[in-house]
Amino acid sequence: MQMLELQIEKQGDTLYKFNSYLDGKRYFFRMRYNKRNDNWYMSLLDEAGVPLASDVACLTNVRRMFQKYQLGDYFLYGDVFIGDLDLKKKDPSFNNFGLKVSCYYMSVLDEILEALAV
């Protein structure tokens, strides 16, 4: 299983964007911080900038963050999850996101392609 850490960087802003190639497709991520509940929310957009899912709460150890949205041809082989490097299940806050708590994409595409090649 392939795991890729996404580009969550402690930038000091409450709203920022980045893009990443996941299983050969380009996705845009928009991260928004909510000061009232000290949590981050992630929106996912396709390559054309069309929203696929908006304001999904970034919670630690939640599986299938985006697969539950039935995104059609998107995220067929993996999904995003938030992980706490200290294994204390802390949700991302303004002070720890991108440092002790980060965002990952897990893919099974390589395993599928390897099995088909046999």
C-alpha atoms as a PDB file:
ATOM      1  CA  MET A   1       0.000   0.000   0.000  1.00  0.00           C
ATOM      2  CA  GLN A   2       1.393   3.356  -1.016  1.00  0.00           C
ATOM      3  CA  MET A   3       1.170   6.285   1.408  1.00  0.00           C
ATOM      4  CA  LEU A   4       1.904   9.882   0.438  1.00  0.00           C
ATOM      5  CA  GLU A   5       2.102  12.769   2.890  1.00  0.00           C
ATOM      6  CA  LEU A   6       0.270  15.782   1.492  1.00  0.00           C
ATOM      7  CA  GLN A   7       1.739  19.279   1.512  1.00  0.00           C
ATOM      8  CA  ILE A   8       0.334  20.502   4.806  1.00  0.00           C
ATOM      9  CA  GLU A   9       2.752  23.191   5.877  1.00  0.00           C
ATOM     10  CA  LYS A  10       2.546  25.417   8.896  1.00  0.00           C
ATOM     11  CA  GLN A  11       2.060  28.683   7.026  1.00  0.00           C
ATOM     12  CA  GLY A  12       0.484  30.853   9.698  1.00  0.00           C
ATOM     13  CA  ASP A  13      -2.592  31.520   7.562  1.00  0.00           C
ATOM     14  CA  THR A  14      -6.148  30.426   8.259  1.00  0.00           C
ATOM     15  CA  LEU A  15      -6.847  29.707   4.572  1.00  0.00           C
ATOM     16  CA  TYR A  16      -4.475  28.165   2.063  1.00  0.00           C
ATOM     17  CA  LYS A  17      -4.460  26.038  -1.053  1.00  0.00           C
ATOM     18  CA  PHE A  18      -2.208  23.444  -2.621  1.00  0.00           C
ATOM     19  CA  ASN A  19      -2.434  20.765  -5.282  1.00  0.00           C
ATOM     20  CA  SER A  20      -1.209  17.215  -5.500  1.00  0.00           C
ATOM     21  CA  TYR A  21      -1.137  14.341  -7.963  1.00  0.00           C
ATOM     22  CA  LEU A  22      -2.873  11.282  -6.504  1.00  0.00           C
ATOM     23  CA  ASP A  23      -2.997   8.081  -8.564  1.00  0.00           C
ATOM     24  CA  GLY A  24      -2.121  10.070 -11.678  1.00  0.00           C
ATOM     25  CA  LYS A  25      -4.840  12.724 -11.278  1.00  0.00           C
ATOM     26  CA  ARG A  26      -4.308  16.291 -10.146  1.00  0.00           C
ATOM     27  CA  TYR A  27      -6.419  17.519  -7.228  1.00  0.00           C
ATOM     28  CA  PHE A  28      -6.667  20.900  -5.554  1.00  0.00           C
ATOM     29  CA  PHE A  29      -7.063  21.157  -1.809  1.00  0.00           C
ATOM     30  CA  ARG A  30      -8.366  24.163   0.071  1.00  0.00           C
ATOM     31  CA  MET A  31      -7.739  24.262   3.814  1.00  0.00           C
ATOM     32  CA  ARG A  32      -9.774  26.562   6.053  1.00  0.00           C
ATOM     33  CA  TYR A  33      -9.231  27.042   9.773  1.00  0.00           C
ATOM     34  CA  ASN A  34     -12.182  27.616  12.110  1.00  0.00           C
ATOM     35  CA  LYS A  35     -11.004  29.589  15.115  1.00  0.00           C
ATOM     36  CA  ARG A  36     -14.165  28.951  17.145  1.00  0.00           C
ATOM     37  CA  ASN A  37     -13.671  25.175  17.343  1.00  0.00           C
ATOM     38  CA  ASP A  38      -9.884  25.144  16.669  1.00  0.00           C
ATOM     39  CA  ASN A  39     -10.193  22.772  13.718  1.00  0.00           C
ATOM     40  CA  TRP A  40      -9.356  22.654  10.034  1.00  0.00           C
ATOM     41  CA  TYR A  41     -11.758  21.939   7.172  1.00  0.00           C
ATOM     42  CA  MET A  42     -10.680  20.576   3.806  1.00  0.00           C
ATOM     43  CA  SER A  43     -12.314  21.043   0.417  1.00  0.00           C
ATOM     44  CA  LEU A  44     -11.379  18.919  -2.572  1.00  0.00           C
ATOM     45  CA  LEU A  45     -11.558  20.183  -6.160  1.00  0.00           C
ATOM     46  CA  ASP A  46     -10.884  18.413  -9.428  1.00  0.00           C
ATOM     47  CA  GLU A  47      -8.328  19.518 -12.018  1.00  0.00           C
ATOM     48  CA  ALA A  48     -10.809  21.994 -13.548  1.00  0.00           C
ATOM     49  CA  GLY A  49     -11.490  23.560 -10.143  1.00  0.00           C
ATOM     50  CA  VAL A  50     -14.924  21.963  -9.748  1.00  0.00           C
ATOM     51  CA  PRO A  51     -15.679  21.211  -6.077  1.00  0.00           C
ATOM     52  CA  LEU A  52     -15.946  17.490  -5.295  1.00  0.00           C
ATOM     53  CA  ALA A  53     -16.418  17.843  -1.526  1.00  0.00           C
ATOM     54  CA  SER A  54     -16.510  20.985   0.598  1.00  0.00           C
ATOM     55  CA  ASP A  55     -15.589  21.761   4.178  1.00  0.00           C
ATOM     56  CA  VAL A  56     -14.899  18.220   5.360  1.00  0.00           C
ATOM     57  CA  ALA A  57     -13.745  18.316   8.991  1.00  0.00           C
ATOM     58  CA  CYS A  58     -10.131  17.218   9.395  1.00  0.00           C
ATOM     59  CA  LEU A  59     -10.425  14.687  12.198  1.00  0.00           C
ATOM     60  CA  THR A  60      -7.704  12.266  13.223  1.00  0.00           C
ATOM     61  CA  ASN A  61      -8.035   8.559  12.484  1.00  0.00           C
ATOM     62  CA  VAL A  62     -11.216   8.871  10.400  1.00  0.00           C
ATOM     63  CA  ARG A  63     -11.117   6.459   7.489  1.00  0.00           C
ATOM     64  CA  ARG A  64     -12.719   7.162   4.131  1.00  0.00           C
ATOM     65  CA  MET A  65     -12.827  10.950   4.414  1.00  0.00           C
ATOM     66  CA  PHE A  66     -13.798  11.392   0.770  1.00  0.00           C
ATOM     67  CA  GLN A  67     -14.960   7.944  -0.383  1.00  0.00           C
ATOM     68  CA  LYS A  68     -18.191   8.422   1.542  1.00  0.00           C
ATOM     69  CA  TYR A  69     -19.094  11.254  -0.870  1.00  0.00           C
ATOM     70  CA  GLN A  70     -19.398   8.875  -3.855  1.00  0.00           C
ATOM     71  CA  LEU A  71     -17.208  10.952  -6.110  1.00  0.00           C
ATOM     72  CA  GLY A  72     -17.714   8.851  -9.231  1.00  0.00           C
ATOM     73  CA  ASP A  73     -14.412   8.265 -11.010  1.00  0.00           C
ATOM     74  CA  TYR A  74     -12.429  10.087  -8.298  1.00  0.00           C
ATOM     75  CA  PHE A  75     -10.608   8.378  -5.458  1.00  0.00           C
ATOM     76  CA  LEU A  76     -11.252   4.875  -6.753  1.00  0.00           C
ATOM     77  CA  TYR A  77      -8.007   3.519  -5.340  1.00  0.00           C
ATOM     78  CA  GLY A  78      -7.437   5.353  -2.091  1.00  0.00           C
ATOM     79  CA  ASP A  79      -8.441   8.105   0.265  1.00  0.00           C
ATOM     80  CA  VAL A  80      -7.187  10.887   2.514  1.00  0.00           C
ATOM     81  CA  PHE A  81      -6.760  10.531   6.253  1.00  0.00           C
ATOM     82  CA  ILE A  82      -5.364  12.671   9.063  1.00  0.00           C
ATOM     83  CA  GLY A  83      -2.739  11.133  11.329  1.00  0.00           C
ATOM     84  CA  ASP A  84      -1.169  12.178  14.609  1.00  0.00           C
ATOM     85  CA  LEU A  85       2.558  11.391  14.655  1.00  0.00           C
ATOM     86  CA  ASP A  86       2.473  11.026  18.455  1.00  0.00           C
ATOM     87  CA  LEU A  87      -0.373   8.474  18.173  1.00  0.00           C
ATOM     88  CA  LYS A  88      -2.418  10.437  20.708  1.00  0.00           C
ATOM     89  CA  LYS A  89      -5.341  10.873  18.269  1.00  0.00           C
ATOM     90  CA  LYS A  90      -5.179  14.665  18.494  1.00  0.00           C
ATOM     91  CA  ASP A  91      -7.204  16.465  15.848  1.00  0.00           C
ATOM     92  CA  PRO A  92      -5.404  19.136  13.813  1.00  0.00           C
ATOM     93  CA  SER A  93      -5.391  22.524  15.488  1.00  0.00           C
ATOM     94  CA  PHE A  94      -3.917  25.842  14.409  1.00  0.00           C
ATOM     95  CA  ASN A  95      -0.669  25.081  16.236  1.00  0.00           C
ATOM     96  CA  ASN A  96      -0.068  21.434  15.303  1.00  0.00           C
ATOM     97  CA  PHE A  97      -1.336  20.899  11.722  1.00  0.00           C
ATOM     98  CA  GLY A  98       1.592  20.208   9.453  1.00  0.00           C
ATOM     99  CA  LEU A  99       3.885  19.631  12.417  1.00  0.00           C
ATOM    100  CA  LYS A 100       2.689  16.832  14.727  1.00  0.00           C
ATOM    101  CA  VAL A 101      -0.557  16.151  12.848  1.00  0.00           C
ATOM    102  CA  SER A 102      -0.474  15.733   9.093  1.00  0.00           C
ATOM    103  CA  CYS A 103      -2.560  14.651   6.116  1.00  0.00           C
ATOM    104  CA  TYR A 104      -1.881  11.514   4.043  1.00  0.00           C
ATOM    105  CA  TYR A 105      -3.189   9.788   0.943  1.00  0.00           C
ATOM    106  CA  MET A 106      -3.216   5.989   0.979  1.00  0.00           C
ATOM    107  CA  SER A 107      -3.482   4.213  -2.353  1.00  0.00           C
ATOM    108  CA  VAL A 108      -3.909   0.578  -3.312  1.00  0.00           C
ATOM    109  CA  LEU A 109      -3.445   1.274  -7.045  1.00  0.00           C
ATOM    110  CA  ASP A 110       0.091  -0.171  -7.171  1.00  0.00           C
ATOM    111  CA  GLU A 111      -1.131  -3.411  -5.575  1.00  0.00           C
ATOM    112  CA  ILE A 112      -4.010  -3.672  -8.045  1.00  0.00           C
ATOM    113  CA  LEU A 113      -1.762  -3.068 -11.058  1.00  0.00           C
ATOM    114  CA  GLU A 114       0.781  -5.589  -9.736  1.00  0.00           C
ATOM    115  CA  ALA A 115      -1.940  -8.226  -9.270  1.00  0.00           C
ATOM    116  CA  LEU A 116      -3.251  -7.646 -12.809  1.00  0.00           C
ATOM    117  CA  ALA A 117       0.255  -8.036 -14.275  1.00  0.00           C
ATOM    118  CA  VAL A 118       0.608 -11.580 -12.891  1.00  0.00           C
END
